[in-house]
Amino acid sequence: MSTQGTETRKVERHKWPPELGTSDGQINHWVEFSGFDFNKKAKTCDIALYIPPDALHTGYKSEYKQLEMGAGGVAAAQNAKGGEAGMGDILGAAKDMLFGQFSEGLEAAAERLLAKATPETIAVLRSRQTGKIVNPHMVSQYQGPTDQRVHKFTFQMMPKSENEAKDIQKIVRQFKTAMLPSNANADAATAPSGFWGYPDEFEINFFINGNMLDETNSLFRIGRSALTDMDLDYTTQDTVAFFEGSPYPVTTEMTLSFQEIWMQHRGLAEIGY
C-alpha cells in the first residue's frame, strides 16, 4: 500500500530477477523505481531491478559563456607620456606609419585611405605599428544551471520459465504505461483528441547491501525524474526465440532513459545528489 496526497492505492510490486533481495544474499544491490501520478500524486508502479553496468554513471554541468567586455577607444593604446590615447592620437599614429613606409608623393593616397578607414581598419593599422593588440578583456559569465541530468539503465532479462517471462512483461507494461500520456478526455482510445494528461514521475533509489542510499552515500542519488525514452529488444542471439507453446520471448532487453525534473544546485549536492 502507498499513500500519496489524498489517495491510497494498492500497487503490485514487481522485481527482477526473482531472487533479488532474498535472504540467500546473492543479489543485495538493486535500483528501485517508484512511479507517481502527476496530478493526484498516487503511487502507480513499484519496480525493483538489479543494478546494470551502465547505471552507476552521472554528470554535473555549470554553464559559462565567454564575453568580450571591450575596451573601445579608451583603452586602445597609451601615448608616449603614459596617458590614454584619444582617437586623434590613433589617427596620427596611423598616418605616421603610412608616411614612414611610403614616399611623400603617396601622402594624398594615405589621406584618402584614412578618410575611408573603418574603426576596425584603424585598429589593425595601430596594431601593426606597435606590434601589439588591444586586450579584449574576456570574462567568463556564469549562465546558471541549464541542463537536467539524464540517467540510463539497460537491463538484460532472460527468464527461466514462461511464468518468469510473464512477470517481465508486467514490468515492461508498467514502465510503458507510466511514461506515456493519459487520454481520459479523449473520444476514442485508438484515435484520441482533446487534452493529454501528463505522464507519471519517478523516484529512483539505489539499494546497496539492502540499504537505501541517503545523503551519507559514496555514490549519488537521483532526483525526481521523467521516463523520456524506452527501447525494447526481444532478439535472442540474432534469432527469434519463444517459450514452447507461448508468445513470451526468451530474452528481453530494456533500455530506460530518465531525465531529472530538478535543476542541480549546491543544496542538492550537500544531501547526496
Foldseek 3Di string as FASTA:
>chain_A
DDDFAPDEDDEDEAEPPPCAPPPVPPHQKWKWKWWAFPPRRYTQYIYIYGADPQQQDWDADWDWDKDQPADPQQQFDADPVRHRDHPVVLLVLLLVVVPVVDPPVCSVVSVVCSVPDDPVRSQVSSCVSVVDGGDRPMDIHTPGQDFFMKGKGKDKDFDPDVVSLVSVVVVVVSLVQQQAWDQPVAPDPVDGDDDTHHGIKIAMWIGDSNHTDKLVDPGAGAAIWHWDDKDKDLDDPNHWADPPPDPGGRIIMMMIMITHPDGDDPVRVNIGD
